[in-house]
Amino acid sequence: MAGGGEEMNHIVKKQMAMLRSLWPQAHYEESSSGACLVIVPGFLLPKGYRETITTLLFIAPPAFPWSCPESFFTDTEVKLFSG
């Protein structure tokens, strides 16, 4: 399957090396479905947010990078100062 299995693992590992150059604690967990949960601790939020730092999470789907992540999650509630 294109983008699955070992090919995806190779691509994710290459992309993770790039992420770790900016966020050394970034890592991922593989699921039995072939997707990867990417975890980026210590992600600094830009000005305008009530919080200053969070852990960023997103799912790299089984067909990554041909299929892009759709959204992201945080480990805390993130709000703008404006509401």
N, C-alpha and C. Protein backbone atom coordinates (compact mmCIF):
# COMPACT_ATOMS: atom_id res chain seq x y z
N MET A 1 0.85 -1.17 0.00
CA MET A 1 0.00 0.00 0.00
C MET A 1 0.89 1.24 0.00
N ALA A 2 0.63 2.17 -0.88
CA ALA A 2 1.43 3.39 -0.97
C ALA A 2 1.30 4.19 0.32
N GLY A 3 2.45 4.60 0.86
CA GLY A 3 2.46 5.41 2.05
C GLY A 3 2.29 4.63 3.34
N GLY A 4 2.20 3.32 3.28
CA GLY A 4 2.00 2.55 4.48
C GLY A 4 3.22 1.75 4.88
N GLY A 5 3.14 1.13 6.03
CA GLY A 5 4.18 0.23 6.48
C GLY A 5 5.54 0.86 6.64
N GLU A 6 6.54 0.14 6.16
CA GLU A 6 7.92 0.59 6.33
C GLU A 6 8.21 1.89 5.61
N GLU A 7 7.56 2.13 4.46
CA GLU A 7 7.78 3.37 3.73
C GLU A 7 7.34 4.57 4.58
N MET A 8 6.17 4.46 5.20
CA MET A 8 5.69 5.55 6.05
C MET A 8 6.62 5.73 7.24
N ASN A 9 7.02 4.62 7.85
CA ASN A 9 7.89 4.68 9.01
C ASN A 9 9.17 5.45 8.66
N HIS A 10 9.72 5.20 7.50
CA HIS A 10 10.93 5.90 7.06
C HIS A 10 10.65 7.40 6.92
N ILE A 11 9.54 7.74 6.32
CA ILE A 11 9.18 9.15 6.12
C ILE A 11 8.94 9.83 7.47
N VAL A 12 8.22 9.17 8.36
CA VAL A 12 7.94 9.75 9.68
C VAL A 12 9.26 9.95 10.43
N LYS A 13 10.15 8.99 10.38
CA LYS A 13 11.43 9.12 11.07
C LYS A 13 12.23 10.31 10.53
N LYS A 14 12.20 10.50 9.22
CA LYS A 14 12.91 11.63 8.61
C LYS A 14 12.29 12.95 9.05
N GLN A 15 10.96 13.03 9.05
CA GLN A 15 10.27 14.24 9.48
C GLN A 15 10.47 14.50 10.98
N MET A 16 10.51 13.43 11.77
CA MET A 16 10.73 13.58 13.21
C MET A 16 12.11 14.15 13.49
N ALA A 17 13.10 13.77 12.71
CA ALA A 17 14.44 14.33 12.88
C ALA A 17 14.41 15.84 12.66
N MET A 18 13.63 16.28 11.68
CA MET A 18 13.50 17.71 11.43
C MET A 18 12.80 18.40 12.60
N LEU A 19 11.72 17.80 13.11
CA LEU A 19 11.01 18.36 14.27
C LEU A 19 11.93 18.45 15.48
N ARG A 20 12.72 17.40 15.71
CA ARG A 20 13.60 17.37 16.88
C ARG A 20 14.70 18.42 16.82
N SER A 21 15.00 18.92 15.64
CA SER A 21 15.99 19.98 15.56
C SER A 21 15.46 21.26 16.22
N LEU A 22 14.15 21.41 16.27
CA LEU A 22 13.51 22.56 16.93
C LEU A 22 12.93 22.21 18.29
N TRP A 23 12.39 21.01 18.43
CA TRP A 23 11.78 20.52 19.67
C TRP A 23 12.39 19.17 19.99
N PRO A 24 13.52 19.16 20.72
CA PRO A 24 14.26 17.91 20.96
C PRO A 24 13.46 16.81 21.64
N GLN A 25 12.40 17.14 22.37
CA GLN A 25 11.62 16.12 23.07
C GLN A 25 10.48 15.56 22.21
N ALA A 26 10.35 16.02 20.98
CA ALA A 26 9.28 15.51 20.10
C ALA A 26 9.48 14.01 19.87
N HIS A 27 8.37 13.30 19.83
CA HIS A 27 8.41 11.86 19.58
C HIS A 27 7.07 11.42 19.00
N TYR A 28 6.98 10.15 18.64
CA TYR A 28 5.71 9.65 18.11
C TYR A 28 5.45 8.25 18.60
N GLU A 29 4.18 7.88 18.55
CA GLU A 29 3.73 6.54 18.92
C GLU A 29 2.96 5.97 17.75
N GLU A 30 3.34 4.77 17.34
CA GLU A 30 2.65 4.12 16.23
C GLU A 30 1.44 3.36 16.73
N SER A 31 0.37 3.39 15.94
CA SER A 31 -0.83 2.61 16.29
C SER A 31 -0.91 1.39 15.39
N SER A 32 -1.75 0.45 15.77
CA SER A 32 -1.93 -0.76 14.97
C SER A 32 -2.58 -0.46 13.61
N SER A 33 -3.22 0.72 13.50
CA SER A 33 -3.87 1.10 12.24
C SER A 33 -2.87 1.63 11.21
N GLY A 34 -1.64 1.91 11.67
CA GLY A 34 -0.64 2.48 10.77
C GLY A 34 -0.47 3.98 10.92
N ALA A 35 -1.35 4.60 11.69
CA ALA A 35 -1.23 6.04 11.95
C ALA A 35 -0.19 6.26 13.05
N CYS A 36 0.32 7.48 13.12
CA CYS A 36 1.28 7.84 14.16
C CYS A 36 0.78 9.06 14.91
N LEU A 37 0.78 8.98 16.24
CA LEU A 37 0.47 10.13 17.07
C LEU A 37 1.78 10.86 17.31
N VAL A 38 1.87 12.09 16.81
CA VAL A 38 3.08 12.90 16.97
C VAL A 38 2.86 13.82 18.17
N ILE A 39 3.84 13.83 19.08
CA ILE A 39 3.74 14.57 20.33
C ILE A 39 4.91 15.55 20.40
N VAL A 40 4.58 16.84 20.55
CA VAL A 40 5.60 17.88 20.59
C VAL A 40 5.46 18.64 21.92
N PRO A 41 6.18 18.19 22.97
CA PRO A 41 6.13 18.90 24.25
C PRO A 41 6.87 20.24 24.16
N GLY A 42 6.48 21.18 25.00
CA GLY A 42 7.19 22.45 25.08
C GLY A 42 6.99 23.35 23.88
N PHE A 43 5.81 23.27 23.25
CA PHE A 43 5.52 24.11 22.09
C PHE A 43 5.13 25.49 22.59
N LEU A 44 5.94 26.50 22.24
CA LEU A 44 5.68 27.88 22.66
C LEU A 44 4.60 28.50 21.78
N LEU A 45 3.60 29.06 22.41
CA LEU A 45 2.51 29.71 21.68
C LEU A 45 2.87 31.16 21.38
N PRO A 46 2.40 31.69 20.26
CA PRO A 46 2.69 33.09 19.93
C PRO A 46 1.93 34.05 20.85
N LYS A 47 2.32 35.31 20.83
CA LYS A 47 1.63 36.32 21.62
C LYS A 47 0.16 36.36 21.24
N GLY A 48 -0.65 36.71 22.21
CA GLY A 48 -2.09 36.78 21.96
C GLY A 48 -2.85 35.65 22.62
N TYR A 49 -2.13 34.64 23.12
CA TYR A 49 -2.76 33.53 23.82
C TYR A 49 -2.59 33.69 25.31
N ARG A 50 -3.57 33.21 26.07
CA ARG A 50 -3.48 33.28 27.54
C ARG A 50 -2.36 32.37 28.04
N GLU A 51 -2.18 31.24 27.41
CA GLU A 51 -1.14 30.29 27.79
C GLU A 51 0.14 30.63 27.02
N THR A 52 1.26 30.22 27.54
CA THR A 52 2.52 30.49 26.85
C THR A 52 3.13 29.23 26.24
N ILE A 53 2.78 28.07 26.80
CA ILE A 53 3.39 26.82 26.35
C ILE A 53 2.37 25.70 26.45
N THR A 54 2.47 24.72 25.56
CA THR A 54 1.57 23.57 25.57
C THR A 54 2.29 22.38 24.95
N THR A 55 1.66 21.24 25.03
CA THR A 55 2.10 20.08 24.27
C THR A 55 1.18 19.99 23.06
N LEU A 56 1.78 19.95 21.89
CA LEU A 56 1.04 19.87 20.63
C LEU A 56 0.98 18.41 20.19
N LEU A 57 -0.20 17.97 19.77
CA LEU A 57 -0.38 16.59 19.32
C LEU A 57 -1.11 16.60 17.98
N PHE A 58 -0.70 15.73 17.08
CA PHE A 58 -1.45 15.54 15.84
C PHE A 58 -1.24 14.12 15.35
N ILE A 59 -2.15 13.68 14.50
CA ILE A 59 -2.08 12.32 13.98
C ILE A 59 -1.62 12.35 12.54
N ALA A 60 -0.53 11.65 12.27
CA ALA A 60 -0.07 11.45 10.89
C ALA A 60 -0.82 10.21 10.39
N PRO A 61 -1.73 10.37 9.43
CA PRO A 61 -2.55 9.24 8.98
C PRO A 61 -1.71 8.16 8.29
N PRO A 62 -2.26 6.97 8.13
CA PRO A 62 -1.50 5.88 7.51
C PRO A 62 -0.91 6.21 6.14
N ALA A 63 -1.55 7.08 5.39
CA ALA A 63 -1.05 7.42 4.05
C ALA A 63 -0.15 8.66 4.06
N PHE A 64 0.30 9.11 5.24
CA PHE A 64 1.19 10.26 5.35
C PHE A 64 2.47 10.00 4.55
N PRO A 65 2.96 10.96 3.78
CA PRO A 65 2.59 12.35 3.63
C PRO A 65 1.59 12.62 2.51
N TRP A 66 1.15 11.59 1.83
CA TRP A 66 0.17 11.78 0.75
C TRP A 66 -1.18 12.21 1.30
N SER A 67 -1.45 11.85 2.52
CA SER A 67 -2.64 12.29 3.23
C SER A 67 -2.15 13.09 4.43
N CYS A 68 -2.54 14.34 4.51
CA CYS A 68 -2.02 15.25 5.54
C CYS A 68 -2.82 15.15 6.83
N PRO A 69 -2.19 15.51 7.95
CA PRO A 69 -2.95 15.61 9.20
C PRO A 69 -4.07 16.62 9.02
N GLU A 70 -5.23 16.34 9.62
CA GLU A 70 -6.39 17.21 9.45
C GLU A 70 -6.49 18.28 10.53
N SER A 71 -5.99 18.02 11.71
CA SER A 71 -6.13 18.97 12.80
C SER A 71 -5.03 18.70 13.83
N PHE A 72 -5.04 19.50 14.88
CA PHE A 72 -4.09 19.28 15.96
C PHE A 72 -4.82 19.41 17.29
N PHE A 73 -4.16 18.95 18.33
CA PHE A 73 -4.72 18.96 19.67
C PHE A 73 -3.67 19.52 20.62
N THR A 74 -4.10 19.95 21.79
CA THR A 74 -3.17 20.40 22.83
C THR A 74 -3.53 19.69 24.13
N ASP A 75 -2.56 19.65 25.03
CA ASP A 75 -2.82 18.97 26.31
C ASP A 75 -3.49 19.88 27.33
N THR A 76 -3.61 21.16 27.01
CA THR A 76 -4.31 22.11 27.87
C THR A 76 -5.29 22.91 27.02
N GLU A 77 -6.24 23.55 27.67
CA GLU A 77 -7.17 24.41 26.94
C GLU A 77 -6.41 25.67 26.53
N VAL A 78 -6.41 25.98 25.25
CA VAL A 78 -5.69 27.14 24.72
C VAL A 78 -6.72 28.19 24.30
N LYS A 79 -6.58 29.40 24.88
CA LYS A 79 -7.53 30.47 24.57
C LYS A 79 -6.78 31.74 24.18
N LEU A 80 -7.40 32.50 23.29
CA LEU A 80 -6.89 33.82 22.97
C LEU A 80 -7.25 34.80 24.08
N PHE A 81 -6.45 35.84 24.25
CA PHE A 81 -6.81 36.87 25.23
C PHE A 81 -8.13 37.51 24.86
N SER A 82 -8.42 37.59 23.55
CA SER A 82 -9.65 38.23 23.09
C SER A 82 -10.88 37.35 23.27
N GLY A 83 -10.69 36.14 23.75
CA GLY A 83 -11.83 35.28 24.00
C GLY A 83 -11.73 34.03 23.26
